[in-house]
Amino acid sequence: MSWRKETITAAQLDEYDIAVIGGGINGACLFDLLCRRGYRTILLEKGDFAGGTSQASAMMIWGGLLYLRNLDIPSVISFSRSRDQMIRNMTEWIAPRRFRFLPAEKGLLSRGPILSAMYLYWFLGGCNRKRPALEPRFPEQEQLIHQCPGLLFEEGMLR
């Protein structure tokens, strides 16, 4: 029997104080908080952990960078706090990791606007992650047609 089926069978035989529906960043943080407070808690997710999130392919635990595009500041602040709480409290599952963004030569996705947005994102996240930085040189740069500097930012990453 697979681990998933064994877990589902075992969960059906037990009783819980609280069921958290959804294993996205908020559901996972709520689950962690309730477990730490002594509640018998079950997390119900239709797929794999964080499998339905917009960042599932990268396995990132992010602070809502895409919400900044729509100026949804409250969501960015809330998601950033949740991300940082998970990085602090779930060290066996999540670790900080730097990511590289390659800006366009011109326009809204060029270095100036993107670096400014990353600094705003970092600030809204409470300055808890490493400061965004310009990366003048990186190993893969020679393979790029447009050899621009990279922009580094930090998020959480599932181990």
N, C-alpha and C. Protein backbone atom coordinates (compact mmCIF):
# COMPACT_ATOMS: atom_id res chain seq x y z
N MET A 1 0.85 -1.18 0.00
CA MET A 1 0.00 0.00 0.00
C MET A 1 0.89 1.24 0.00
N SER A 2 0.51 2.26 -0.76
CA SER A 2 1.32 3.47 -0.84
C SER A 2 1.23 4.28 0.46
N TRP A 3 2.22 5.14 0.67
CA TRP A 3 2.24 5.99 1.86
C TRP A 3 0.97 6.83 1.94
N ARG A 4 0.53 7.37 0.80
CA ARG A 4 -0.66 8.22 0.79
C ARG A 4 -1.91 7.43 1.23
N LYS A 5 -2.07 6.23 0.68
CA LYS A 5 -3.23 5.41 1.05
C LYS A 5 -3.18 4.99 2.52
N GLU A 6 -1.99 4.65 3.00
CA GLU A 6 -1.84 4.30 4.41
C GLU A 6 -2.21 5.48 5.31
N THR A 7 -1.79 6.67 4.92
CA THR A 7 -2.08 7.87 5.70
C THR A 7 -3.58 8.17 5.71
N ILE A 8 -4.22 8.04 4.57
CA ILE A 8 -5.67 8.28 4.48
C ILE A 8 -6.43 7.27 5.34
N THR A 9 -6.02 6.00 5.27
CA THR A 9 -6.67 4.97 6.09
C THR A 9 -6.49 5.27 7.57
N ALA A 10 -5.29 5.62 7.98
CA ALA A 10 -5.02 5.93 9.39
C ALA A 10 -5.82 7.15 9.84
N ALA A 11 -5.94 8.15 8.97
CA ALA A 11 -6.67 9.38 9.31
C ALA A 11 -8.15 9.10 9.54
N GLN A 12 -8.70 8.14 8.82
CA GLN A 12 -10.12 7.80 8.96
C GLN A 12 -10.42 7.10 10.28
N LEU A 13 -9.41 6.53 10.90
CA LEU A 13 -9.60 5.79 12.14
C LEU A 13 -9.39 6.66 13.38
N ASP A 14 -9.00 7.89 13.19
CA ASP A 14 -8.69 8.78 14.30
C ASP A 14 -9.73 9.89 14.43
N GLU A 15 -9.70 10.60 15.55
CA GLU A 15 -10.59 11.75 15.75
C GLU A 15 -9.73 13.01 15.87
N TYR A 16 -10.28 14.14 15.39
CA TYR A 16 -9.54 15.39 15.37
C TYR A 16 -10.38 16.51 15.96
N ASP A 17 -9.70 17.50 16.53
CA ASP A 17 -10.38 18.69 17.04
C ASP A 17 -10.73 19.62 15.88
N ILE A 18 -9.82 19.71 14.92
CA ILE A 18 -9.97 20.68 13.83
C ILE A 18 -9.49 20.06 12.52
N ALA A 19 -10.23 20.35 11.45
CA ALA A 19 -9.80 19.97 10.10
C ALA A 19 -9.52 21.26 9.33
N VAL A 20 -8.32 21.37 8.78
CA VAL A 20 -7.95 22.51 7.94
C VAL A 20 -8.09 22.05 6.49
N ILE A 21 -8.87 22.78 5.71
CA ILE A 21 -9.10 22.42 4.32
C ILE A 21 -8.17 23.26 3.44
N GLY A 22 -7.28 22.60 2.72
CA GLY A 22 -6.38 23.28 1.79
C GLY A 22 -4.97 23.39 2.33
N GLY A 23 -4.01 22.93 1.55
CA GLY A 23 -2.61 22.92 1.97
C GLY A 23 -1.78 24.00 1.32
N GLY A 24 -2.40 25.14 0.99
CA GLY A 24 -1.63 26.28 0.50
C GLY A 24 -0.89 26.93 1.66
N ILE A 25 -0.31 28.08 1.42
CA ILE A 25 0.50 28.72 2.46
C ILE A 25 -0.30 29.03 3.71
N ASN A 26 -1.52 29.51 3.57
CA ASN A 26 -2.32 29.84 4.75
C ASN A 26 -2.79 28.58 5.48
N GLY A 27 -3.22 27.57 4.74
CA GLY A 27 -3.65 26.32 5.36
C GLY A 27 -2.50 25.64 6.09
N ALA A 28 -1.33 25.62 5.47
CA ALA A 28 -0.17 24.98 6.09
C ALA A 28 0.26 25.72 7.36
N CYS A 29 0.23 27.05 7.32
CA CYS A 29 0.60 27.83 8.51
C CYS A 29 -0.42 27.63 9.63
N LEU A 30 -1.69 27.62 9.28
CA LEU A 30 -2.73 27.40 10.28
C LEU A 30 -2.59 26.01 10.90
N PHE A 31 -2.36 25.01 10.07
CA PHE A 31 -2.15 23.64 10.55
C PHE A 31 -0.99 23.59 11.53
N ASP A 32 0.14 24.19 11.15
CA ASP A 32 1.33 24.21 12.00
C ASP A 32 1.04 24.89 13.34
N LEU A 33 0.38 26.04 13.30
CA LEU A 33 0.05 26.79 14.51
C LEU A 33 -0.85 25.98 15.44
N LEU A 34 -1.90 25.38 14.89
CA LEU A 34 -2.83 24.60 15.71
C LEU A 34 -2.15 23.37 16.33
N CYS A 35 -1.30 22.71 15.56
CA CYS A 35 -0.57 21.55 16.10
C CYS A 35 0.34 21.98 17.25
N ARG A 36 1.02 23.10 17.08
CA ARG A 36 1.92 23.61 18.13
C ARG A 36 1.16 24.00 19.39
N ARG A 37 -0.11 24.35 19.24
CA ARG A 37 -0.93 24.71 20.40
C ARG A 37 -1.63 23.50 21.02
N GLY A 38 -1.35 22.32 20.48
CA GLY A 38 -1.85 21.10 21.10
C GLY A 38 -3.16 20.56 20.56
N TYR A 39 -3.69 21.17 19.51
CA TYR A 39 -4.94 20.67 18.93
C TYR A 39 -4.63 19.46 18.05
N ARG A 40 -5.51 18.49 18.09
CA ARG A 40 -5.40 17.33 17.20
C ARG A 40 -5.97 17.80 15.86
N THR A 41 -5.09 18.05 14.92
CA THR A 41 -5.46 18.72 13.68
C THR A 41 -5.13 17.84 12.48
N ILE A 42 -6.00 17.87 11.49
CA ILE A 42 -5.75 17.18 10.23
C ILE A 42 -5.81 18.21 9.11
N LEU A 43 -4.89 18.08 8.17
CA LEU A 43 -4.84 18.95 7.00
C LEU A 43 -5.35 18.15 5.81
N LEU A 44 -6.42 18.63 5.20
CA LEU A 44 -7.02 17.93 4.06
C LEU A 44 -6.69 18.69 2.78
N GLU A 45 -6.03 18.01 1.85
CA GLU A 45 -5.61 18.60 0.58
C GLU A 45 -5.96 17.61 -0.51
N LYS A 46 -6.60 18.06 -1.56
CA LYS A 46 -7.03 17.13 -2.61
C LYS A 46 -5.86 16.56 -3.41
N GLY A 47 -4.74 17.27 -3.43
CA GLY A 47 -3.57 16.79 -4.15
C GLY A 47 -2.40 16.68 -3.19
N ASP A 48 -1.20 16.93 -3.70
CA ASP A 48 -0.01 16.91 -2.88
C ASP A 48 0.10 18.23 -2.12
N PHE A 49 0.92 18.27 -1.07
CA PHE A 49 1.12 19.50 -0.30
C PHE A 49 1.52 20.63 -1.23
N ALA A 50 0.79 21.73 -1.19
CA ALA A 50 1.01 22.91 -2.03
C ALA A 50 0.85 22.59 -3.51
N GLY A 51 0.20 21.49 -3.84
CA GLY A 51 0.07 21.07 -5.23
C GLY A 51 -0.84 21.93 -6.07
N GLY A 52 -1.77 22.65 -5.46
CA GLY A 52 -2.69 23.49 -6.23
C GLY A 52 -2.32 24.95 -6.22
N THR A 53 -1.17 25.28 -5.67
CA THR A 53 -0.77 26.67 -5.58
C THR A 53 -0.16 27.14 -6.88
N SER A 54 -0.12 28.42 -7.07
CA SER A 54 0.43 28.97 -8.30
C SER A 54 1.93 28.78 -8.40
N GLN A 55 2.59 28.47 -7.30
CA GLN A 55 4.04 28.29 -7.33
C GLN A 55 4.44 26.82 -7.22
N ALA A 56 3.49 25.91 -7.47
CA ALA A 56 3.74 24.48 -7.25
C ALA A 56 4.92 23.96 -8.05
N SER A 57 5.09 24.40 -9.27
CA SER A 57 6.15 23.85 -10.10
C SER A 57 7.53 24.19 -9.56
N ALA A 58 7.69 25.31 -8.90
CA ALA A 58 8.98 25.71 -8.37
C ALA A 58 9.17 25.26 -6.92
N MET A 59 8.11 24.75 -6.28
CA MET A 59 8.14 24.34 -4.88
C MET A 59 8.51 25.50 -3.96
N MET A 60 8.14 26.72 -4.37
CA MET A 60 8.43 27.91 -3.58
C MET A 60 7.37 28.13 -2.51
N ILE A 61 7.82 28.64 -1.39
CA ILE A 61 6.93 29.17 -0.36
C ILE A 61 7.16 30.67 -0.45
N TRP A 62 6.28 31.35 -1.12
CA TRP A 62 6.51 32.75 -1.48
C TRP A 62 5.62 33.67 -0.67
N GLY A 63 5.95 34.94 -0.72
CA GLY A 63 5.23 35.94 0.04
C GLY A 63 4.23 36.73 -0.77
N GLY A 64 3.85 36.25 -1.93
CA GLY A 64 2.82 36.93 -2.71
C GLY A 64 3.34 37.99 -3.66
N LEU A 65 4.51 37.76 -4.23
CA LEU A 65 5.11 38.74 -5.14
C LEU A 65 4.16 39.12 -6.28
N LEU A 66 3.43 38.16 -6.83
CA LEU A 66 2.53 38.46 -7.95
C LEU A 66 1.38 39.38 -7.54
N TYR A 67 1.01 39.37 -6.26
CA TYR A 67 -0.06 40.26 -5.79
C TYR A 67 0.38 41.72 -5.78
N LEU A 68 1.69 41.93 -5.77
CA LEU A 68 2.20 43.30 -5.80
C LEU A 68 1.85 43.98 -7.12
N ARG A 69 1.78 43.20 -8.19
CA ARG A 69 1.45 43.74 -9.51
C ARG A 69 0.09 44.44 -9.50
N ASN A 70 -0.85 43.91 -8.72
CA ASN A 70 -2.18 44.52 -8.61
C ASN A 70 -2.30 45.43 -7.39
N LEU A 71 -1.17 45.71 -6.77
CA LEU A 71 -1.11 46.56 -5.56
C LEU A 71 -2.00 46.03 -4.44
N ASP A 72 -2.09 44.71 -4.33
CA ASP A 72 -2.83 44.08 -3.24
C ASP A 72 -1.89 43.98 -2.04
N ILE A 73 -1.61 45.13 -1.45
CA ILE A 73 -0.63 45.24 -0.37
C ILE A 73 -1.00 44.38 0.84
N PRO A 74 -2.27 44.37 1.30
CA PRO A 74 -2.60 43.53 2.46
C PRO A 74 -2.27 42.04 2.23
N SER A 75 -2.51 41.53 1.02
CA SER A 75 -2.20 40.12 0.74
C SER A 75 -0.69 39.89 0.76
N VAL A 76 0.08 40.81 0.18
CA VAL A 76 1.54 40.66 0.17
C VAL A 76 2.06 40.61 1.60
N ILE A 77 1.58 41.51 2.45
CA ILE A 77 2.02 41.54 3.85
C ILE A 77 1.63 40.24 4.56
N SER A 78 0.39 39.81 4.38
CA SER A 78 -0.09 38.59 5.04
C SER A 78 0.67 37.35 4.57
N PHE A 79 0.84 37.21 3.25
CA PHE A 79 1.54 36.04 2.72
C PHE A 79 3.01 36.05 3.12
N SER A 80 3.62 37.23 3.16
CA SER A 80 5.03 37.32 3.56
C SER A 80 5.20 36.90 5.02
N ARG A 81 4.29 37.33 5.88
CA ARG A 81 4.35 36.91 7.29
C ARG A 81 4.20 35.40 7.41
N SER A 82 3.25 34.84 6.65
CA SER A 82 3.05 33.39 6.69
C SER A 82 4.28 32.65 6.18
N ARG A 83 4.87 33.14 5.09
CA ARG A 83 6.09 32.53 4.55
C ARG A 83 7.20 32.53 5.60
N ASP A 84 7.41 33.69 6.24
CA ASP A 84 8.48 33.80 7.22
C ASP A 84 8.22 32.93 8.44
N GLN A 85 6.97 32.82 8.84
CA GLN A 85 6.62 31.96 9.97
C GLN A 85 6.93 30.50 9.62
N MET A 86 6.62 30.10 8.40
CA MET A 86 6.90 28.73 7.99
C MET A 86 8.40 28.48 7.93
N ILE A 87 9.17 29.43 7.41
CA ILE A 87 10.62 29.27 7.34
C ILE A 87 11.20 29.13 8.75
N ARG A 88 10.68 29.92 9.69
CA ARG A 88 11.15 29.87 11.09
C ARG A 88 10.75 28.57 11.79
N ASN A 89 9.50 28.15 11.62
CA ASN A 89 8.95 27.07 12.43
C ASN A 89 9.01 25.69 11.78
N MET A 90 9.23 25.62 10.50
CA MET A 90 9.20 24.32 9.80
C MET A 90 10.54 24.07 9.11
N THR A 91 11.62 24.17 9.87
CA THR A 91 12.96 24.09 9.29
C THR A 91 13.26 22.73 8.65
N GLU A 92 12.55 21.70 9.07
CA GLU A 92 12.79 20.39 8.46
C GLU A 92 12.15 20.28 7.08
N TRP A 93 11.23 21.20 6.76
CA TRP A 93 10.52 21.17 5.48
C TRP A 93 10.89 22.33 4.56
N ILE A 94 11.23 23.47 5.13
CA ILE A 94 11.37 24.70 4.34
C ILE A 94 12.66 25.42 4.71
N ALA A 95 13.35 25.93 3.70
CA ALA A 95 14.57 26.69 3.93
C ALA A 95 14.56 27.93 3.03
N PRO A 96 15.23 29.00 3.46
CA PRO A 96 15.34 30.17 2.59
C PRO A 96 16.20 29.84 1.38
N ARG A 97 15.88 30.46 0.26
CA ARG A 97 16.67 30.23 -0.95
C ARG A 97 16.62 31.47 -1.83
N ARG A 98 17.75 31.80 -2.43
CA ARG A 98 17.82 32.94 -3.34
C ARG A 98 17.39 32.49 -4.74
N PHE A 99 16.66 33.37 -5.43
CA PHE A 99 16.24 33.14 -6.80
C PHE A 99 16.75 34.27 -7.67
N ARG A 100 16.96 33.96 -8.93
CA ARG A 100 17.46 34.95 -9.89
C ARG A 100 16.35 35.29 -10.87
N PHE A 101 16.16 36.58 -11.08
CA PHE A 101 15.23 37.07 -12.09
C PHE A 101 16.06 37.77 -13.16
N LEU A 102 15.79 37.45 -14.43
CA LEU A 102 16.51 38.09 -15.53
C LEU A 102 15.60 39.14 -16.16
N PRO A 103 15.91 40.41 -15.94
CA PRO A 103 15.04 41.47 -16.44
C PRO A 103 15.14 41.65 -17.95
N ALA A 104 14.12 42.27 -18.51
CA ALA A 104 14.12 42.61 -19.94
C ALA A 104 15.05 43.80 -20.17
N GLU A 105 15.36 44.06 -21.43
CA GLU A 105 16.22 45.21 -21.75
C GLU A 105 15.49 46.53 -21.55
N LYS A 106 14.18 46.56 -21.89
CA LYS A 106 13.40 47.79 -21.80
C LYS A 106 12.02 47.49 -21.25
N GLY A 107 11.34 48.55 -20.83
CA GLY A 107 9.94 48.43 -20.43
C GLY A 107 9.74 48.14 -18.95
N LEU A 108 8.51 47.73 -18.63
CA LEU A 108 8.14 47.50 -17.23
C LEU A 108 8.89 46.34 -16.59
N LEU A 109 9.39 45.43 -17.40
CA LEU A 109 10.13 44.29 -16.85
C LEU A 109 11.64 44.49 -16.93
N SER A 110 12.07 45.73 -17.12
CA SER A 110 13.51 46.03 -17.16
C SER A 110 14.05 46.17 -15.74
N ARG A 111 15.35 46.31 -15.64
CA ARG A 111 16.03 46.27 -14.34
C ARG A 111 15.51 47.30 -13.34
N GLY A 112 15.33 48.54 -13.73
CA GLY A 112 14.90 49.59 -12.80
C GLY A 112 13.55 49.31 -12.15
N PRO A 113 12.49 49.12 -12.96
CA PRO A 113 11.18 48.85 -12.35
C PRO A 113 11.14 47.55 -11.54
N ILE A 114 11.80 46.51 -12.03
CA ILE A 114 11.76 45.23 -11.31
C ILE A 114 12.53 45.31 -10.00
N LEU A 115 13.70 45.93 -10.01
CA LEU A 115 14.47 46.05 -8.77
C LEU A 115 13.71 46.91 -7.75
N SER A 116 13.05 47.97 -8.23
CA SER A 116 12.22 48.80 -7.34
C SER A 116 11.09 47.98 -6.74
N ALA A 117 10.42 47.18 -7.56
CA ALA A 117 9.33 46.33 -7.07
C ALA A 117 9.84 45.31 -6.07
N MET A 118 11.03 44.75 -6.32
CA MET A 118 11.59 43.76 -5.39
C MET A 118 11.93 44.40 -4.05
N TYR A 119 12.42 45.64 -4.09
CA TYR A 119 12.68 46.33 -2.82
C TYR A 119 11.38 46.62 -2.08
N LEU A 120 10.33 47.02 -2.77
CA LEU A 120 9.04 47.25 -2.13
C LEU A 120 8.52 45.94 -1.53
N TYR A 121 8.63 44.86 -2.27
CA TYR A 121 8.21 43.53 -1.81
C TYR A 121 8.98 43.14 -0.55
N TRP A 122 10.29 43.36 -0.57
CA TRP A 122 11.15 43.05 0.58
C TRP A 122 10.72 43.88 1.79
N PHE A 123 10.46 45.17 1.57
CA PHE A 123 10.03 46.06 2.64
C PHE A 123 8.68 45.63 3.21
N LEU A 124 7.70 45.33 2.33
CA LEU A 124 6.38 44.90 2.79
C LEU A 124 6.45 43.57 3.55
N GLY A 125 7.47 42.77 3.24
CA GLY A 125 7.69 41.51 3.94
C GLY A 125 8.42 41.68 5.26
N GLY A 126 8.60 42.92 5.70
CA GLY A 126 9.24 43.18 6.99
C GLY A 126 10.75 43.12 6.95
N CYS A 127 11.36 43.15 5.77
CA CYS A 127 12.82 43.11 5.61
C CYS A 127 13.41 41.86 6.26
N ASN A 128 12.65 40.78 6.29
CA ASN A 128 13.09 39.55 6.95
C ASN A 128 13.93 38.63 6.07
N ARG A 129 13.79 38.72 4.79
CA ARG A 129 14.59 37.92 3.86
C ARG A 129 15.82 38.73 3.47
N LYS A 130 16.75 38.11 2.77
CA LYS A 130 17.92 38.87 2.30
C LYS A 130 17.46 39.98 1.37
N ARG A 131 18.17 41.09 1.44
CA ARG A 131 17.87 42.25 0.61
C ARG A 131 18.03 41.90 -0.87
N PRO A 132 17.12 42.37 -1.74
CA PRO A 132 17.29 42.15 -3.18
C PRO A 132 18.63 42.72 -3.63
N ALA A 133 19.22 42.12 -4.64
CA ALA A 133 20.54 42.56 -5.07
C ALA A 133 20.72 42.41 -6.57
N LEU A 134 21.56 43.24 -7.11
CA LEU A 134 21.97 43.14 -8.50
C LEU A 134 23.10 42.12 -8.56
N GLU A 135 23.04 41.22 -9.50
CA GLU A 135 24.08 40.20 -9.67
C GLU A 135 24.76 40.43 -11.02
N PRO A 136 25.86 41.20 -11.01
CA PRO A 136 26.48 41.57 -12.29
C PRO A 136 26.94 40.38 -13.13
N ARG A 137 27.41 39.32 -12.49
CA ARG A 137 27.90 38.14 -13.21
C ARG A 137 27.36 36.88 -12.55
N PHE A 138 27.00 35.91 -13.39
CA PHE A 138 26.60 34.60 -12.91
C PHE A 138 26.99 33.57 -13.96
N PRO A 139 27.20 32.30 -13.58
CA PRO A 139 27.78 31.30 -14.48
C PRO A 139 27.07 31.13 -15.82
N GLU A 140 25.75 31.16 -15.84
CA GLU A 140 25.01 30.89 -17.08
C GLU A 140 24.89 32.11 -17.99
N GLN A 141 25.42 33.22 -17.57
CA GLN A 141 25.23 34.48 -18.29
C GLN A 141 25.74 34.43 -19.73
N GLU A 142 26.83 33.74 -19.96
CA GLU A 142 27.41 33.67 -21.30
C GLU A 142 26.50 32.97 -22.29
N GLN A 143 25.59 32.13 -21.81
CA GLN A 143 24.69 31.40 -22.69
C GLN A 143 23.50 32.25 -23.14
N LEU A 144 23.33 33.41 -22.56
CA LEU A 144 22.19 34.26 -22.87
C LEU A 144 22.51 35.21 -24.02
N ILE A 145 21.55 35.42 -24.90
CA ILE A 145 21.71 36.37 -25.99
C ILE A 145 21.83 37.78 -25.42
N HIS A 146 20.94 38.11 -24.51
CA HIS A 146 20.91 39.41 -23.85
C HIS A 146 21.59 39.23 -22.50
N GLN A 147 22.88 39.59 -22.41
CA GLN A 147 23.66 39.31 -21.21
C GLN A 147 23.51 40.41 -20.15
N CYS A 148 22.34 40.50 -19.59
CA CYS A 148 22.07 41.50 -18.56
C CYS A 148 22.44 40.94 -17.19
N PRO A 149 22.63 41.82 -16.22
CA PRO A 149 22.83 41.34 -14.85
C PRO A 149 21.54 40.69 -14.34
N GLY A 150 21.68 39.75 -13.44
CA GLY A 150 20.52 39.15 -12.81
C GLY A 150 20.11 39.93 -11.57
N LEU A 151 18.88 39.74 -11.14
CA LEU A 151 18.39 40.34 -9.90
C LEU A 151 18.08 39.19 -8.95
N LEU A 152 18.63 39.25 -7.75
CA LEU A 152 18.44 38.19 -6.76
C LEU A 152 17.41 38.60 -5.72
N PHE A 153 16.55 37.63 -5.34
CA PHE A 153 15.61 37.83 -4.25
C PHE A 153 15.45 36.51 -3.53
N GLU A 154 14.99 36.57 -2.27
CA GLU A 154 14.92 35.36 -1.45
C GLU A 154 13.47 35.02 -1.11
N GLU A 155 13.16 33.73 -1.19
CA GLU A 155 11.86 33.18 -0.81
C GLU A 155 12.13 31.93 0.03
N GLY A 156 11.08 31.21 0.36
CA GLY A 156 11.23 29.92 1.00
C GLY A 156 11.17 28.84 -0.07
N MET A 157 11.75 27.69 0.22
CA MET A 157 11.79 26.59 -0.74
C MET A 157 11.55 25.29 0.01
N LEU A 158 10.64 24.47 -0.51
CA LEU A 158 10.44 23.15 0.10
C LEU A 158 11.71 22.33 -0.08
N ARG A 159 12.10 21.65 0.98
CA ARG A 159 13.33 20.82 0.90
C ARG A 159 13.03 19.54 0.16
